[in-house]
Amino acid sequence: MSQQYSTGDIVDRFRQVLSDAGLPAAPETNFICDGELHRFRVESDKKGSRNGWYVLHLDGVPAGAFGSWRAGIAESWCSKGQDQLTEAERRQLRERMEKAKTARQSQLKQRHANAAHRARKLWKSAKPAAPDHPYLVKKQVQPFRARQIGPALVLDIRDIYGGLSSLQFIQPDGTKKLLSGGAKQERFIPVTGASGREPETVLVCEGWATGATLAASMPDALVLAAIDAGNLPAVAVATRQRWPACDLIVCGDDDRKTEGNPGAAAASKAAELSAARVALPEWPEGCPVHLSDFNDLATWLNEVKQ
């Protein structure tokens, strides 16, 4: 271990690094400095969860890695600056970080597999969603493939080949939650369409309700909801690779009131990476500026007509 710092000093520094990275460890966390991967609760996560992970070495040059499966963060830390390390220390650090990466990927793979198993059981037990579910009524959309468990809508999250990876639950008040541990990257909610055949037109959007609105207006299209803007490019690229000849349209949110318009920016990036077209809502005169997606527009237009 470093001659300059005690074990307590190193742990305190490591705890501060996690906090600075936006992953403060819950007060009950006792860091184990054995070079193995351990899980911990991020302070802002619910009690009982352990979405955070870390590896901490004390021998040689104290160093470690850490992250959060929930937040998609993975970072490394070293008690010495890169310019202070000898070549032997750099080599040791690279080997340790590679070992930590392998351990993290192994645990993540198992975490995803466990979640997929739970998802299959829950999806099988769920019933077709009631058309008068409060969320469906509010969004003025059909259930399509949605199912229901108790008061919650249940939406299946799949990979590009149809494998069930996870679930999204939507409560009557619109509160959304993903199945803990489920894979999301490159996954999507298939809203409707295709039925096993090669799709001619594929629409990729963010949220399921937006996808339901699009599916109603273009019933022959395959509609995929990427869950959020961050996942939009990955889903668009996976779609293009799966169906290279399809007419791919990325239907983005127009976050006009948010600096940088993240919805439109994500849609443009997704389209550029996947050789797709981009579609954003066309706002008529007098349309409220807080509206941002195709479902918002359709709902507002229906209300104006009444």
C-alpha atoms as a PDB file:
ATOM      1  CA  MET A   1       0.000   0.000   0.000  1.00  0.00           C
ATOM      2  CA  SER A   2       1.026   3.605  -0.458  1.00  0.00           C
ATOM      3  CA  GLN A   3       3.463   4.805   2.171  1.00  0.00           C
ATOM      4  CA  GLN A   4       1.844   8.225   2.019  1.00  0.00           C
ATOM      5  CA  TYR A   5      -1.679   7.306   3.028  1.00  0.00           C
ATOM      6  CA  SER A   6      -3.313   4.938   5.503  1.00  0.00           C
ATOM      7  CA  THR A   7      -6.087   2.518   4.540  1.00  0.00           C
ATOM      8  CA  GLY A   8      -8.629   4.931   6.033  1.00  0.00           C
ATOM      9  CA  ASP A   9      -7.210   7.799   3.972  1.00  0.00           C
ATOM     10  CA  ILE A  10      -7.456   5.831   0.725  1.00  0.00           C
ATOM     11  CA  VAL A  11     -11.025   4.724   1.450  1.00  0.00           C
ATOM     12  CA  ASP A  12     -12.013   8.306   2.299  1.00  0.00           C
ATOM     13  CA  ARG A  13     -10.478   9.565  -0.954  1.00  0.00           C
ATOM     14  CA  PHE A  14     -12.227   6.820  -2.932  1.00  0.00           C
ATOM     15  CA  ARG A  15     -15.566   7.615  -1.288  1.00  0.00           C
ATOM     16  CA  GLN A  16     -15.114  11.286  -2.211  1.00  0.00           C
ATOM     17  CA  VAL A  17     -14.275  10.369  -5.822  1.00  0.00           C
ATOM     18  CA  LEU A  18     -17.535   8.414  -6.073  1.00  0.00           C
ATOM     19  CA  SER A  19     -19.448  11.351  -4.629  1.00  0.00           C
ATOM     20  CA  ASP A  20     -17.822  13.787  -7.087  1.00  0.00           C
ATOM     21  CA  ALA A  21     -18.814  11.470  -9.943  1.00  0.00           C
ATOM     22  CA  GLY A  22     -22.470  11.627  -8.882  1.00  0.00           C
ATOM     23  CA  LEU A  23     -22.508   8.198  -7.200  1.00  0.00           C
ATOM     24  CA  PRO A  24     -22.269   8.907  -3.460  1.00  0.00           C
ATOM     25  CA  ALA A  25     -22.140   5.652  -1.515  1.00  0.00           C
ATOM     26  CA  ALA A  26     -24.878   5.182   1.072  1.00  0.00           C
ATOM     27  CA  PRO A  27     -23.670   5.747   4.666  1.00  0.00           C
ATOM     28  CA  GLU A  28     -23.864   2.018   5.458  1.00  0.00           C
ATOM     29  CA  THR A  29     -21.297   1.164   2.759  1.00  0.00           C
ATOM     30  CA  ASN A  30     -18.120  -0.454   4.105  1.00  0.00           C
ATOM     31  CA  PHE A  31     -15.537  -0.574   1.337  1.00  0.00           C
ATOM     32  CA  ILE A  32     -13.660  -3.866   0.956  1.00  0.00           C
ATOM     33  CA  CYS A  33     -10.178  -3.320  -0.458  1.00  0.00           C
ATOM     34  CA  ASP A  34      -9.388  -6.767  -1.879  1.00  0.00           C
ATOM     35  CA  GLY A  35      -9.319  -6.084  -5.619  1.00  0.00           C
ATOM     36  CA  GLU A  36     -12.597  -7.934  -6.186  1.00  0.00           C
ATOM     37  CA  LEU A  37     -15.865  -6.544  -7.537  1.00  0.00           C
ATOM     38  CA  HIS A  38     -18.370  -5.520  -4.876  1.00  0.00           C
ATOM     39  CA  ARG A  39     -21.810  -3.916  -5.045  1.00  0.00           C
ATOM     40  CA  PHE A  40     -23.150  -1.021  -2.996  1.00  0.00           C
ATOM     41  CA  ARG A  41     -26.200   1.189  -2.712  1.00  0.00           C
ATOM     42  CA  VAL A  42     -25.933   4.626  -4.264  1.00  0.00           C
ATOM     43  CA  GLU A  43     -27.270   7.102  -1.714  1.00  0.00           C
ATOM     44  CA  SER A  44     -30.045   8.351  -4.006  1.00  0.00           C
ATOM     45  CA  ASP A  45     -31.265   4.835  -4.870  1.00  0.00           C
ATOM     46  CA  LYS A  46     -33.984   3.108  -2.872  1.00  0.00           C
ATOM     47  CA  LYS A  47     -33.029   1.171   0.242  1.00  0.00           C
ATOM     48  CA  GLY A  48     -32.165  -2.446  -0.406  1.00  0.00           C
ATOM     49  CA  SER A  49     -30.910  -1.803  -3.928  1.00  0.00           C
ATOM     50  CA  ARG A  50     -27.280  -2.308  -4.915  1.00  0.00           C
ATOM     51  CA  ASN A  51     -26.923  -0.761  -8.338  1.00  0.00           C
ATOM     52  CA  GLY A  52     -23.454   0.622  -7.649  1.00  0.00           C
ATOM     53  CA  TRP A  53     -20.288  -1.438  -8.044  1.00  0.00           C
ATOM     54  CA  TYR A  54     -16.607  -0.918  -7.240  1.00  0.00           C
ATOM     55  CA  VAL A  55     -13.176  -2.552  -7.214  1.00  0.00           C
ATOM     56  CA  LEU A  56     -10.509  -1.146  -4.892  1.00  0.00           C
ATOM     57  CA  HIS A  57      -6.832  -2.182  -4.625  1.00  0.00           C
ATOM     58  CA  LEU A  58      -4.516  -1.074  -1.811  1.00  0.00           C
ATOM     59  CA  ASP A  59      -1.329  -2.954  -2.676  1.00  0.00           C
ATOM     60  CA  GLY A  60       1.186  -1.235  -4.933  1.00  0.00           C
ATOM     61  CA  VAL A  61      -0.391   1.991  -6.157  1.00  0.00           C
ATOM     62  CA  PRO A  62      -3.875   2.301  -4.611  1.00  0.00           C
ATOM     63  CA  ALA A  63      -6.382   2.368  -7.467  1.00  0.00           C
ATOM     64  CA  GLY A  64      -9.884   1.287  -8.297  1.00  0.00           C
ATOM     65  CA  ALA A  65     -12.865   1.370 -10.620  1.00  0.00           C
ATOM     66  CA  PHE A  66     -16.507   2.110  -9.953  1.00  0.00           C
ATOM     67  CA  GLY A  67     -19.843   2.729 -11.580  1.00  0.00           C
ATOM     68  CA  SER A  68     -23.580   2.151 -11.585  1.00  0.00           C
ATOM     69  CA  TRP A  69     -25.514  -0.352 -13.647  1.00  0.00           C
ATOM     70  CA  ARG A  70     -28.621   1.775 -13.236  1.00  0.00           C
ATOM     71  CA  ALA A  71     -26.964   5.007 -14.373  1.00  0.00           C
ATOM     72  CA  GLY A  72     -24.742   3.368 -16.996  1.00  0.00           C
ATOM     73  CA  ILE A  73     -21.601   4.888 -15.463  1.00  0.00           C
ATOM     74  CA  ALA A  74     -18.172   3.194 -15.415  1.00  0.00           C
ATOM     75  CA  GLU A  75     -15.034   5.056 -14.346  1.00  0.00           C
ATOM     76  CA  SER A  76     -11.560   4.341 -12.988  1.00  0.00           C
ATOM     77  CA  TRP A  77      -9.462   6.043 -10.301  1.00  0.00           C
ATOM     78  CA  CYS A  78      -5.805   6.064  -9.296  1.00  0.00           C
ATOM     79  CA  SER A  79      -4.221   7.647  -6.246  1.00  0.00           C
ATOM     80  CA  LYS A  80      -1.348   8.914  -8.413  1.00  0.00           C
ATOM     81  CA  GLY A  81      -1.469  10.966 -11.578  1.00  0.00           C
ATOM     82  CA  GLN A  82      -0.562   9.230 -14.841  1.00  0.00           C
ATOM     83  CA  ASP A  83       2.596  11.326 -15.152  1.00  0.00           C
ATOM     84  CA  GLN A  84       3.722  10.087 -11.708  1.00  0.00           C
ATOM     85  CA  LEU A  85       3.450   6.388 -12.526  1.00  0.00           C
ATOM     86  CA  THR A  86       6.384   4.217 -13.563  1.00  0.00           C
ATOM     87  CA  GLU A  87       6.016   1.974 -16.616  1.00  0.00           C
ATOM     88  CA  ALA A  88       5.641  -1.041 -14.311  1.00  0.00           C
ATOM     89  CA  GLU A  89       2.904   0.716 -12.346  1.00  0.00           C
ATOM     90  CA  ARG A  90       1.088   1.662 -15.551  1.00  0.00           C
ATOM     91  CA  ARG A  91       1.215  -1.937 -16.711  1.00  0.00           C
ATOM     92  CA  GLN A  92      -0.112  -3.166 -13.349  1.00  0.00           C
ATOM     93  CA  LEU A  93      -2.895  -0.581 -13.451  1.00  0.00           C
ATOM     94  CA  ARG A  94      -3.942  -1.600 -16.987  1.00  0.00           C
ATOM     95  CA  GLU A  95      -4.062  -5.267 -15.975  1.00  0.00           C
ATOM     96  CA  ARG A  96      -6.168  -4.463 -12.926  1.00  0.00           C
ATOM     97  CA  MET A  97      -8.594  -2.326 -14.864  1.00  0.00           C
ATOM     98  CA  GLU A  98      -8.968  -5.060 -17.493  1.00  0.00           C
ATOM     99  CA  LYS A  99      -9.698  -7.584 -14.738  1.00  0.00           C
ATOM    100  CA  ALA A 100     -12.272  -5.222 -13.218  1.00  0.00           C
ATOM    101  CA  LYS A 101     -13.903  -4.727 -16.638  1.00  0.00           C
ATOM    102  CA  THR A 102     -14.167  -8.483 -17.176  1.00  0.00           C
ATOM    103  CA  ALA A 103     -15.706  -8.993 -13.722  1.00  0.00           C
ATOM    104  CA  ARG A 104     -18.151  -6.140 -14.257  1.00  0.00           C
ATOM    105  CA  GLN A 105     -19.263  -7.468 -17.648  1.00  0.00           C
ATOM    106  CA  SER A 106     -19.726 -10.959 -16.205  1.00  0.00           C
ATOM    107  CA  GLN A 107     -21.925  -9.691 -13.386  1.00  0.00           C
ATOM    108  CA  LEU A 108     -23.872  -7.454 -15.755  1.00  0.00           C
ATOM    109  CA  LYS A 109     -24.528 -10.385 -18.090  1.00  0.00           C
ATOM    110  CA  GLN A 110     -25.847 -12.451 -15.184  1.00  0.00           C
ATOM    111  CA  ARG A 111     -27.906  -9.502 -13.945  1.00  0.00           C
ATOM    112  CA  HIS A 112     -29.512  -9.149 -17.390  1.00  0.00           C
ATOM    113  CA  ALA A 113     -30.164 -12.893 -17.635  1.00  0.00           C
ATOM    114  CA  ASN A 114     -31.901 -12.925 -14.240  1.00  0.00           C
ATOM    115  CA  ALA A 115     -34.051  -9.948 -15.227  1.00  0.00           C
ATOM    116  CA  ALA A 116     -34.989 -11.556 -18.562  1.00  0.00           C
ATOM    117  CA  HIS A 117     -36.119 -14.683 -16.692  1.00  0.00           C
ATOM    118  CA  ARG A 118     -38.325 -12.587 -14.398  1.00  0.00           C
ATOM    119  CA  ALA A 119     -39.643 -10.637 -17.388  1.00  0.00           C
ATOM    120  CA  ARG A 120     -40.740 -13.815 -19.176  1.00  0.00           C
ATOM    121  CA  LYS A 121     -42.666 -15.025 -16.126  1.00  0.00           C
ATOM    122  CA  LEU A 122     -44.365 -11.659 -15.559  1.00  0.00           C
ATOM    123  CA  TRP A 123     -45.202 -11.163 -19.237  1.00  0.00           C
ATOM    124  CA  LYS A 124     -46.742 -14.616 -19.411  1.00  0.00           C
ATOM    125  CA  SER A 125     -48.917 -13.930 -16.362  1.00  0.00           C
ATOM    126  CA  ALA A 126     -50.045 -10.471 -17.519  1.00  0.00           C
ATOM    127  CA  LYS A 127     -53.468  -9.972 -19.103  1.00  0.00           C
ATOM    128  CA  PRO A 128     -54.318  -7.828 -22.159  1.00  0.00           C
ATOM    129  CA  ALA A 129     -54.521  -4.187 -21.094  1.00  0.00           C
ATOM    130  CA  ALA A 130     -57.978  -2.737 -20.481  1.00  0.00           C
ATOM    131  CA  PRO A 131     -58.815  -0.117 -23.139  1.00  0.00           C
ATOM    132  CA  ASP A 132     -60.181   2.163 -20.403  1.00  0.00           C
ATOM    133  CA  HIS A 133     -56.941   2.159 -18.410  1.00  0.00           C
ATOM    134  CA  PRO A 134     -56.476   5.758 -17.143  1.00  0.00           C
ATOM    135  CA  TYR A 135     -53.122   6.189 -18.875  1.00  0.00           C
ATOM    136  CA  LEU A 136     -54.521   5.024 -22.210  1.00  0.00           C
ATOM    137  CA  VAL A 137     -57.517   7.318 -21.805  1.00  0.00           C
ATOM    138  CA  LYS A 138     -55.299  10.289 -20.976  1.00  0.00           C
ATOM    139  CA  LYS A 139     -53.004   9.634 -23.925  1.00  0.00           C
ATOM    140  CA  GLN A 140     -55.980   8.790 -26.199  1.00  0.00           C
ATOM    141  CA  VAL A 141     -54.332   5.644 -27.572  1.00  0.00           C
ATOM    142  CA  GLN A 142     -55.204   1.986 -28.078  1.00  0.00           C
ATOM    143  CA  PRO A 143     -53.545  -0.712 -25.942  1.00  0.00           C
ATOM    144  CA  PHE A 144     -52.059  -2.468 -28.985  1.00  0.00           C
ATOM    145  CA  ARG A 145     -49.768  -5.148 -27.483  1.00  0.00           C
ATOM    146  CA  ALA A 146     -49.745  -3.711 -23.964  1.00  0.00           C
ATOM    147  CA  ARG A 147     -50.643  -5.977 -21.065  1.00  0.00           C
ATOM    148  CA  GLN A 148     -51.625  -5.293 -17.482  1.00  0.00           C
ATOM    149  CA  ILE A 149     -50.771  -6.554 -13.999  1.00  0.00           C
ATOM    150  CA  GLY A 150     -52.971  -5.019 -11.332  1.00  0.00           C
ATOM    151  CA  PRO A 151     -53.242  -1.290 -12.051  1.00  0.00           C
ATOM    152  CA  ALA A 152     -50.001  -1.152 -14.054  1.00  0.00           C
ATOM    153  CA  LEU A 153     -49.633  -1.355 -17.809  1.00  0.00           C
ATOM    154  CA  VAL A 154     -46.881  -3.788 -18.758  1.00  0.00           C
ATOM    155  CA  LEU A 155     -44.803  -3.230 -21.913  1.00  0.00           C
ATOM    156  CA  ASP A 156     -42.299  -5.773 -23.261  1.00  0.00           C
ATOM    157  CA  ILE A 157     -38.747  -4.625 -24.002  1.00  0.00           C
ATOM    158  CA  ARG A 158     -37.035  -6.725 -26.673  1.00  0.00           C
ATOM    159  CA  ASP A 159     -33.836  -6.958 -28.694  1.00  0.00           C
ATOM    160  CA  ILE A 160     -33.765  -6.607 -32.457  1.00  0.00           C
ATOM    161  CA  TYR A 161     -34.310 -10.360 -32.929  1.00  0.00           C
ATOM    162  CA  GLY A 162     -37.364 -10.443 -30.667  1.00  0.00           C
ATOM    163  CA  GLY A 163     -35.803 -11.762 -27.464  1.00  0.00           C
ATOM    164  CA  LEU A 164     -37.562 -10.512 -24.316  1.00  0.00           C
ATOM    165  CA  SER A 165     -35.057  -8.593 -22.173  1.00  0.00           C
ATOM    166  CA  SER A 166     -37.071  -6.555 -19.716  1.00  0.00           C
ATOM    167  CA  LEU A 167     -40.371  -4.801 -18.990  1.00  0.00           C
ATOM    168  CA  GLN A 168     -41.634  -1.283 -18.473  1.00  0.00           C
ATOM    169  CA  PHE A 169     -44.473  -0.637 -16.028  1.00  0.00           C
ATOM    170  CA  ILE A 170     -46.720   2.422 -16.316  1.00  0.00           C
ATOM    171  CA  GLN A 171     -49.031   3.313 -13.447  1.00  0.00           C
ATOM    172  CA  PRO A 172     -52.435   4.997 -13.976  1.00  0.00           C
ATOM    173  CA  ASP A 173     -50.900   8.383 -13.107  1.00  0.00           C
ATOM    174  CA  GLY A 174     -48.186   7.940 -15.751  1.00  0.00           C
ATOM    175  CA  THR A 175     -45.338   6.977 -13.396  1.00  0.00           C
ATOM    176  CA  LYS A 176     -42.927   4.740 -15.299  1.00  0.00           C
ATOM    177  CA  LYS A 177     -40.537   2.106 -14.005  1.00  0.00           C
ATOM    178  CA  LEU A 178     -38.228  -0.392 -15.687  1.00  0.00           C
ATOM    179  CA  LEU A 179     -37.750  -3.914 -14.392  1.00  0.00           C
ATOM    180  CA  SER A 180     -34.706  -3.890 -12.105  1.00  0.00           C
ATOM    181  CA  GLY A 181     -31.590  -5.315 -13.748  1.00  0.00           C
ATOM    182  CA  GLY A 182     -33.064  -5.498 -17.242  1.00  0.00           C
ATOM    183  CA  ALA A 183     -31.023  -4.666 -20.334  1.00  0.00           C
ATOM    184  CA  LYS A 184     -32.035  -1.455 -22.119  1.00  0.00           C
ATOM    185  CA  GLN A 185     -29.207  -0.541 -24.504  1.00  0.00           C
ATOM    186  CA  GLU A 186     -30.284  -1.261 -28.097  1.00  0.00           C
ATOM    187  CA  ARG A 187     -33.617  -2.622 -26.777  1.00  0.00           C
ATOM    188  CA  PHE A 188     -37.058  -1.220 -27.500  1.00  0.00           C
ATOM    189  CA  ILE A 189     -40.775  -1.694 -26.970  1.00  0.00           C
ATOM    190  CA  PRO A 190     -42.373  -3.085 -30.165  1.00  0.00           C
ATOM    191  CA  VAL A 191     -45.610  -1.105 -30.357  1.00  0.00           C
ATOM    192  CA  THR A 192     -47.160  -2.857 -33.363  1.00  0.00           C
ATOM    193  CA  GLY A 193     -46.562  -3.994 -36.932  1.00  0.00           C
ATOM    194  CA  ALA A 194     -44.432  -6.391 -39.006  1.00  0.00           C
ATOM    195  CA  SER A 195     -45.798  -9.714 -37.605  1.00  0.00           C
ATOM    196  CA  GLY A 196     -42.622 -11.558 -38.567  1.00  0.00           C
ATOM    197  CA  ARG A 197     -42.448 -10.276 -42.150  1.00  0.00           C
ATOM    198  CA  GLU A 198     -39.779  -7.953 -43.545  1.00  0.00           C
ATOM    199  CA  PRO A 199     -40.980  -4.413 -42.731  1.00  0.00           C
ATOM    200  CA  GLU A 200     -41.116  -1.831 -45.508  1.00  0.00           C
ATOM    201  CA  THR A 201     -41.345   1.129 -43.118  1.00  0.00           C
ATOM    202  CA  VAL A 202     -39.964   1.318 -39.581  1.00  0.00           C
ATOM    203  CA  LEU A 203     -40.701   4.220 -37.244  1.00  0.00           C
ATOM    204  CA  VAL A 204     -38.420   4.633 -34.227  1.00  0.00           C
ATOM    205  CA  CYS A 205     -39.485   7.014 -31.461  1.00  0.00           C
ATOM    206  CA  GLU A 206     -38.811   7.604 -27.768  1.00  0.00           C
ATOM    207  CA  GLY A 207     -41.840   6.764 -25.615  1.00  0.00           C
ATOM    208  CA  TRP A 208     -44.512   4.093 -25.988  1.00  0.00           C
ATOM    209  CA  ALA A 209     -47.455   6.538 -26.065  1.00  0.00           C
ATOM    210  CA  THR A 210     -45.789   8.418 -28.920  1.00  0.00           C
ATOM    211  CA  GLY A 211     -45.333   5.090 -30.674  1.00  0.00           C
ATOM    212  CA  ALA A 212     -49.001   4.224 -30.157  1.00  0.00           C
ATOM    213  CA  THR A 213     -50.024   7.509 -31.774  1.00  0.00           C
ATOM    214  CA  LEU A 214     -47.708   6.844 -34.725  1.00  0.00           C
ATOM    215  CA  ALA A 215     -48.965   3.259 -35.068  1.00  0.00           C
ATOM    216  CA  ALA A 216     -52.560   4.479 -35.293  1.00  0.00           C
ATOM    217  CA  SER A 217     -51.678   6.931 -38.063  1.00  0.00           C
ATOM    218  CA  MET A 218     -49.448   4.466 -39.985  1.00  0.00           C
ATOM    219  CA  PRO A 219     -50.891   0.982 -39.302  1.00  0.00           C
ATOM    220  CA  ASP A 220     -48.691  -0.757 -41.894  1.00  0.00           C
ATOM    221  CA  ALA A 221     -45.442   0.428 -40.300  1.00  0.00           C
ATOM    222  CA  LEU A 222     -43.350  -1.364 -37.686  1.00  0.00           C
ATOM    223  CA  VAL A 223     -43.187   1.010 -34.713  1.00  0.00           C
ATOM    224  CA  LEU A 224     -40.419   0.700 -32.108  1.00  0.00           C
ATOM    225  CA  ALA A 225     -40.244   2.824 -28.940  1.00  0.00           C
ATOM    226  CA  ALA A 226     -36.648   3.255 -27.773  1.00  0.00           C
ATOM    227  CA  ILE A 227     -37.769   4.207 -24.223  1.00  0.00           C
ATOM    228  CA  ASP A 228     -35.739   7.427 -24.051  1.00  0.00           C
ATOM    229  CA  ALA A 229     -33.678   9.833 -26.151  1.00  0.00           C
ATOM    230  CA  GLY A 230     -30.351   8.354 -25.034  1.00  0.00           C
ATOM    231  CA  ASN A 231     -31.275   4.968 -26.480  1.00  0.00           C
ATOM    232  CA  LEU A 232     -32.609   6.349 -29.771  1.00  0.00           C
ATOM    233  CA  PRO A 233     -29.332   6.193 -31.782  1.00  0.00           C
ATOM    234  CA  ALA A 234     -28.528   2.638 -30.678  1.00  0.00           C
ATOM    235  CA  VAL A 235     -32.000   1.375 -31.596  1.00  0.00           C
ATOM    236  CA  ALA A 236     -31.921   3.143 -34.960  1.00  0.00           C
ATOM    237  CA  VAL A 237     -28.532   1.628 -35.831  1.00  0.00           C
ATOM    238  CA  ALA A 238     -29.654  -1.859 -34.752  1.00  0.00           C
ATOM    239  CA  THR A 239     -32.791  -1.457 -36.886  1.00  0.00           C
ATOM    240  CA  ARG A 240     -30.802  -0.443 -39.970  1.00  0.00           C
ATOM    241  CA  GLN A 241     -28.456  -3.404 -39.516  1.00  0.00           C
ATOM    242  CA  ARG A 242     -31.392  -5.807 -39.116  1.00  0.00           C
ATOM    243  CA  TRP A 243     -33.418  -4.449 -42.049  1.00  0.00           C
ATOM    244  CA  PRO A 244     -31.010  -2.574 -44.355  1.00  0.00           C
ATOM    245  CA  ALA A 245     -33.582  -1.989 -47.112  1.00  0.00           C
ATOM    246  CA  CYS A 246     -36.373  -0.559 -44.942  1.00  0.00           C
ATOM    247  CA  ASP A 247     -37.564   3.036 -45.029  1.00  0.00           C
ATOM    248  CA  LEU A 248     -36.372   4.047 -41.567  1.00  0.00           C
ATOM    249  CA  ILE A 249     -37.824   7.194 -40.011  1.00  0.00           C
ATOM    250  CA  VAL A 250     -36.693   8.507 -36.637  1.00  0.00           C
ATOM    251  CA  CYS A 251     -39.658  10.310 -35.085  1.00  0.00           C
ATOM    252  CA  GLY A 252     -38.103  12.567 -32.495  1.00  0.00           C
ATOM    253  CA  ASP A 253     -39.451  14.616 -29.629  1.00  0.00           C
ATOM    254  CA  ASP A 254     -39.205  18.365 -30.150  1.00  0.00           C
ATOM    255  CA  ASP A 255     -38.073  19.570 -26.719  1.00  0.00           C
ATOM    256  CA  ARG A 256     -38.499  23.208 -27.638  1.00  0.00           C
ATOM    257  CA  LYS A 257     -38.461  24.480 -24.068  1.00  0.00           C
ATOM    258  CA  THR A 258     -35.290  22.617 -23.077  1.00  0.00           C
ATOM    259  CA  GLU A 259     -31.895  24.129 -23.817  1.00  0.00           C
ATOM    260  CA  GLY A 260     -30.215  22.298 -26.679  1.00  0.00           C
ATOM    261  CA  ASN A 261     -33.452  20.519 -27.599  1.00  0.00           C
ATOM    262  CA  PRO A 262     -32.195  17.040 -26.536  1.00  0.00           C
ATOM    263  CA  GLY A 263     -35.043  15.202 -28.266  1.00  0.00           C
ATOM    264  CA  ALA A 264     -34.408  16.731 -31.679  1.00  0.00           C
ATOM    265  CA  ALA A 265     -30.636  16.420 -31.206  1.00  0.00           C
ATOM    266  CA  ALA A 266     -30.917  12.702 -30.390  1.00  0.00           C
ATOM    267  CA  ALA A 267     -33.204  12.139 -33.389  1.00  0.00           C
ATOM    268  CA  SER A 268     -30.768  13.884 -35.734  1.00  0.00           C
ATOM    269  CA  LYS A 269     -27.849  11.865 -34.380  1.00  0.00           C
ATOM    270  CA  ALA A 270     -29.828   8.619 -34.687  1.00  0.00           C
ATOM    271  CA  ALA A 271     -30.794   9.412 -38.270  1.00  0.00           C
ATOM    272  CA  GLU A 272     -27.246  10.325 -39.248  1.00  0.00           C
ATOM    273  CA  LEU A 273     -25.813   7.105 -37.801  1.00  0.00           C
ATOM    274  CA  SER A 274     -28.480   4.887 -39.379  1.00  0.00           C
ATOM    275  CA  ALA A 275     -29.023   6.587 -42.767  1.00  0.00           C
ATOM    276  CA  ALA A 276     -32.614   7.360 -41.793  1.00  0.00           C
ATOM    277  CA  ARG A 277     -35.034  10.219 -42.257  1.00  0.00           C
ATOM    278  CA  VAL A 278     -36.040  12.484 -39.386  1.00  0.00           C
ATOM    279  CA  ALA A 279     -39.581  13.560 -38.534  1.00  0.00           C
ATOM    280  CA  LEU A 280     -40.507  16.066 -35.835  1.00  0.00           C
ATOM    281  CA  PRO A 281     -44.000  17.293 -34.933  1.00  0.00           C
ATOM    282  CA  GLU A 282     -45.239  20.207 -37.043  1.00  0.00           C
ATOM    283  CA  TRP A 283     -46.794  22.670 -34.626  1.00  0.00           C
ATOM    284  CA  PRO A 284     -49.830  24.596 -35.843  1.00  0.00           C
ATOM    285  CA  GLU A 285     -50.328  28.231 -34.914  1.00  0.00           C
ATOM    286  CA  GLY A 286     -51.558  28.619 -31.365  1.00  0.00           C
ATOM    287  CA  CYS A 287     -50.195  25.280 -30.223  1.00  0.00           C
ATOM    288  CA  PRO A 288     -48.944  25.421 -26.577  1.00  0.00           C
ATOM    289  CA  VAL A 289     -45.133  25.514 -26.416  1.00  0.00           C
ATOM    290  CA  HIS A 290     -44.942  22.881 -23.651  1.00  0.00           C
ATOM    291  CA  LEU A 291     -46.058  20.158 -26.062  1.00  0.00           C
ATOM    292  CA  SER A 292     -43.102  18.156 -27.380  1.00  0.00           C
ATOM    293  CA  ASP A 293     -44.018  14.854 -29.071  1.00  0.00           C
ATOM    294  CA  PHE A 294     -46.436  13.369 -31.597  1.00  0.00           C
ATOM    295  CA  ASN A 295     -48.781  12.136 -28.878  1.00  0.00           C
ATOM    296  CA  ASP A 296     -48.906  15.617 -27.319  1.00  0.00           C
ATOM    297  CA  LEU A 297     -49.826  17.058 -30.717  1.00  0.00           C
ATOM    298  CA  ALA A 298     -52.505  14.461 -31.489  1.00  0.00           C
ATOM    299  CA  THR A 299     -54.091  14.794 -28.053  1.00  0.00           C
ATOM    300  CA  TRP A 300     -54.156  18.594 -28.282  1.00  0.00           C
ATOM    301  CA  LEU A 301     -55.666  18.512 -31.777  1.00  0.00           C
ATOM    302  CA  ASN A 302     -58.409  16.147 -30.603  1.00  0.00           C
ATOM    303  CA  GLU A 303     -59.210  18.454 -27.697  1.00  0.00           C
ATOM    304  CA  VAL A 304     -59.346  21.494 -29.988  1.00  0.00           C
ATOM    305  CA  LYS A 305     -61.826  19.729 -32.283  1.00  0.00           C
ATOM    306  CA  GLN A 306     -64.223  18.987 -29.416  1.00  0.00           C
END
